[in-house]
Amino acid sequence: MPVISMFYGIIIRLYFYDKGKHSVAHIHAEYGEFEASFEIETGEILSGPIPNKKIKLVQAWMEIHQEELIAD
């Protein structure tokens, strides 16, 4: 699973064949022992816990890079 970005201790990964867990396009964000999945189009959390401050950072990053994420 490739790392596509790292910032403020957050690692963003994109699985290419992860349709079994979630049926929508999504990314995985890791922060320490936390890992959460976010829907690319809406920025909503699909699963997993992550601190609220980090949720806002991931969602802001996703908004900036949404076109690239959809293309990937």
N, C-alpha and C. Protein backbone atom coordinates (compact mmCIF):
# COMPACT_ATOMS: atom_id res chain seq x y z
N MET A 1 0.85 -1.16 0.00
CA MET A 1 0.00 0.00 0.00
C MET A 1 0.90 1.23 0.00
N PRO A 2 0.83 2.01 -1.05
CA PRO A 2 1.73 3.16 -1.17
C PRO A 2 1.34 4.33 -0.27
N VAL A 3 2.36 5.00 0.23
CA VAL A 3 2.16 6.25 0.97
C VAL A 3 2.10 7.36 -0.07
N ILE A 4 1.03 8.15 -0.03
CA ILE A 4 0.91 9.23 -1.01
C ILE A 4 1.19 10.59 -0.40
N SER A 5 1.18 10.69 0.95
CA SER A 5 1.51 11.96 1.60
C SER A 5 1.80 11.72 3.08
N MET A 6 2.62 12.62 3.65
CA MET A 6 2.89 12.62 5.09
C MET A 6 2.96 14.07 5.55
N PHE A 7 2.24 14.39 6.62
CA PHE A 7 2.26 15.74 7.17
C PHE A 7 1.80 15.71 8.61
N TYR A 8 2.42 16.48 9.47
CA TYR A 8 2.06 16.61 10.88
C TYR A 8 1.87 15.26 11.58
N GLY A 9 2.69 14.29 11.23
CA GLY A 9 2.60 12.97 11.84
C GLY A 9 1.51 12.08 11.27
N ILE A 10 0.83 12.55 10.24
CA ILE A 10 -0.24 11.79 9.58
C ILE A 10 0.33 11.16 8.32
N ILE A 11 0.03 9.89 8.11
CA ILE A 11 0.43 9.19 6.90
C ILE A 11 -0.84 8.87 6.11
N ILE A 12 -0.85 9.27 4.84
CA ILE A 12 -1.99 9.03 3.96
C ILE A 12 -1.60 7.91 3.00
N ARG A 13 -2.43 6.88 2.96
CA ARG A 13 -2.20 5.74 2.07
C ARG A 13 -3.42 5.53 1.18
N LEU A 14 -3.14 5.02 0.00
CA LEU A 14 -4.20 4.73 -0.97
C LEU A 14 -4.07 3.27 -1.38
N TYR A 15 -5.09 2.48 -1.09
CA TYR A 15 -5.13 1.09 -1.50
C TYR A 15 -5.75 1.02 -2.89
N PHE A 16 -5.14 0.25 -3.77
CA PHE A 16 -5.68 0.14 -5.12
C PHE A 16 -6.79 -0.89 -5.21
N TYR A 17 -6.72 -1.96 -4.42
CA TYR A 17 -7.72 -3.03 -4.49
C TYR A 17 -8.32 -3.26 -3.11
N ASP A 18 -9.06 -2.29 -2.62
CA ASP A 18 -9.64 -2.38 -1.27
C ASP A 18 -11.16 -2.29 -1.35
N LYS A 19 -11.76 -2.89 -2.34
CA LYS A 19 -13.22 -2.80 -2.50
C LYS A 19 -13.96 -3.70 -1.51
N GLY A 20 -13.28 -4.66 -0.90
CA GLY A 20 -13.94 -5.58 0.02
C GLY A 20 -14.47 -4.91 1.27
N LYS A 21 -13.74 -3.92 1.78
CA LYS A 21 -14.15 -3.24 3.01
C LYS A 21 -15.14 -2.12 2.75
N HIS A 22 -14.84 -1.28 1.78
CA HIS A 22 -15.68 -0.12 1.49
C HIS A 22 -15.96 -0.09 -0.01
N SER A 23 -17.17 0.23 -0.38
CA SER A 23 -17.54 0.21 -1.79
C SER A 23 -17.34 1.56 -2.47
N VAL A 24 -16.80 2.53 -1.76
CA VAL A 24 -16.56 3.85 -2.34
C VAL A 24 -15.06 4.14 -2.36
N ALA A 25 -14.67 5.07 -3.21
CA ALA A 25 -13.26 5.46 -3.27
C ALA A 25 -12.88 6.12 -1.95
N HIS A 26 -11.75 5.70 -1.38
CA HIS A 26 -11.37 6.21 -0.06
C HIS A 26 -9.87 6.15 0.15
N ILE A 27 -9.41 6.85 1.18
CA ILE A 27 -8.01 6.81 1.60
C ILE A 27 -7.96 6.32 3.04
N HIS A 28 -6.77 5.96 3.47
CA HIS A 28 -6.54 5.57 4.85
C HIS A 28 -5.57 6.59 5.45
N ALA A 29 -5.90 7.11 6.61
CA ALA A 29 -5.05 8.06 7.32
C ALA A 29 -4.60 7.41 8.62
N GLU A 30 -3.29 7.40 8.85
CA GLU A 30 -2.73 6.84 10.07
C GLU A 30 -2.08 7.96 10.88
N TYR A 31 -2.31 7.92 12.17
CA TYR A 31 -1.69 8.87 13.09
C TYR A 31 -1.39 8.10 14.37
N GLY A 32 -0.11 7.79 14.60
CA GLY A 32 0.25 6.99 15.76
C GLY A 32 -0.44 5.64 15.70
N GLU A 33 -1.16 5.29 16.76
CA GLU A 33 -1.86 4.01 16.80
C GLU A 33 -3.25 4.07 16.17
N PHE A 34 -3.64 5.24 15.67
CA PHE A 34 -4.97 5.42 15.08
C PHE A 34 -4.92 5.22 13.57
N GLU A 35 -6.00 4.67 13.02
CA GLU A 35 -6.15 4.58 11.57
C GLU A 35 -7.63 4.74 11.22
N ALA A 36 -7.90 5.59 10.25
CA ALA A 36 -9.27 5.83 9.83
C ALA A 36 -9.33 5.86 8.30
N SER A 37 -10.49 5.51 7.76
CA SER A 37 -10.73 5.57 6.33
C SER A 37 -11.66 6.75 6.05
N PHE A 38 -11.35 7.50 5.00
CA PHE A 38 -12.13 8.67 4.62
C PHE A 38 -12.61 8.52 3.18
N GLU A 39 -13.88 8.81 2.94
CA GLU A 39 -14.40 8.82 1.58
C GLU A 39 -13.81 10.00 0.83
N ILE A 40 -13.33 9.77 -0.38
CA ILE A 40 -12.64 10.82 -1.14
C ILE A 40 -13.58 11.94 -1.53
N GLU A 41 -14.76 11.63 -2.01
CA GLU A 41 -15.65 12.67 -2.52
C GLU A 41 -16.23 13.57 -1.44
N THR A 42 -16.55 13.01 -0.27
CA THR A 42 -17.21 13.81 0.77
C THR A 42 -16.31 14.16 1.95
N GLY A 43 -15.23 13.41 2.14
CA GLY A 43 -14.36 13.63 3.29
C GLY A 43 -14.88 13.00 4.57
N GLU A 44 -16.00 12.29 4.50
CA GLU A 44 -16.58 11.65 5.69
C GLU A 44 -15.75 10.45 6.12
N ILE A 45 -15.72 10.21 7.44
CA ILE A 45 -15.03 9.04 7.97
C ILE A 45 -15.90 7.81 7.73
N LEU A 46 -15.30 6.79 7.13
CA LEU A 46 -16.01 5.54 6.88
C LEU A 46 -15.83 4.57 8.04
N SER A 47 -14.63 4.57 8.62
CA SER A 47 -14.37 3.67 9.75
C SER A 47 -13.11 4.11 10.49
N GLY A 48 -13.02 3.70 11.73
CA GLY A 48 -11.82 3.91 12.53
C GLY A 48 -11.81 5.22 13.29
N PRO A 49 -11.12 5.20 14.43
CA PRO A 49 -10.98 6.42 15.23
C PRO A 49 -9.71 7.19 14.86
N ILE A 50 -9.78 8.48 15.01
CA ILE A 50 -8.61 9.35 14.83
C ILE A 50 -8.94 10.65 15.57
N PRO A 51 -7.95 11.30 16.21
CA PRO A 51 -8.24 12.53 16.97
C PRO A 51 -8.91 13.61 16.11
N ASN A 52 -9.82 14.36 16.71
CA ASN A 52 -10.59 15.39 15.99
C ASN A 52 -9.72 16.41 15.27
N LYS A 53 -8.65 16.86 15.89
CA LYS A 53 -7.77 17.83 15.23
C LYS A 53 -7.16 17.26 13.96
N LYS A 54 -6.86 15.98 13.98
CA LYS A 54 -6.27 15.33 12.80
C LYS A 54 -7.32 15.09 11.73
N ILE A 55 -8.56 14.86 12.13
CA ILE A 55 -9.65 14.72 11.15
C ILE A 55 -9.73 15.98 10.30
N LYS A 56 -9.70 17.13 10.95
CA LYS A 56 -9.80 18.41 10.23
C LYS A 56 -8.63 18.61 9.28
N LEU A 57 -7.42 18.20 9.71
CA LEU A 57 -6.25 18.32 8.84
C LEU A 57 -6.37 17.41 7.62
N VAL A 58 -6.81 16.17 7.85
CA VAL A 58 -6.96 15.23 6.73
C VAL A 58 -8.03 15.74 5.77
N GLN A 59 -9.15 16.21 6.27
CA GLN A 59 -10.22 16.70 5.41
C GLN A 59 -9.78 17.93 4.61
N ALA A 60 -9.01 18.81 5.22
CA ALA A 60 -8.49 19.98 4.50
C ALA A 60 -7.53 19.54 3.40
N TRP A 61 -6.66 18.58 3.73
CA TRP A 61 -5.72 18.06 2.74
C TRP A 61 -6.48 17.42 1.58
N MET A 62 -7.52 16.65 1.91
CA MET A 62 -8.31 15.99 0.88
C MET A 62 -9.00 17.01 -0.04
N GLU A 63 -9.48 18.09 0.54
CA GLU A 63 -10.15 19.11 -0.26
C GLU A 63 -9.17 19.74 -1.26
N ILE A 64 -7.95 20.00 -0.82
CA ILE A 64 -6.94 20.58 -1.70
C ILE A 64 -6.56 19.62 -2.82
N HIS A 65 -6.49 18.32 -2.51
CA HIS A 65 -6.00 17.31 -3.45
C HIS A 65 -7.10 16.42 -4.03
N GLN A 66 -8.35 16.85 -3.94
CA GLN A 66 -9.46 16.00 -4.34
C GLN A 66 -9.37 15.56 -5.82
N GLU A 67 -9.05 16.45 -6.71
CA GLU A 67 -8.98 16.08 -8.13
C GLU A 67 -7.93 15.01 -8.38
N GLU A 68 -6.76 15.14 -7.71
CA GLU A 68 -5.70 14.15 -7.86
C GLU A 68 -6.12 12.81 -7.27
N LEU A 69 -6.79 12.83 -6.14
CA LEU A 69 -7.24 11.60 -5.50
C LEU A 69 -8.25 10.86 -6.37
N ILE A 70 -9.17 11.59 -6.95
CA ILE A 70 -10.18 10.98 -7.82
C ILE A 70 -9.51 10.38 -9.05
N ALA A 71 -8.53 11.09 -9.59
CA ALA A 71 -7.80 10.58 -10.77
C ALA A 71 -7.04 9.30 -10.44
N ASP A 72 -6.48 9.23 -9.21
CA ASP A 72 -5.74 8.03 -8.81
C ASP A 72 -6.68 6.88 -8.61
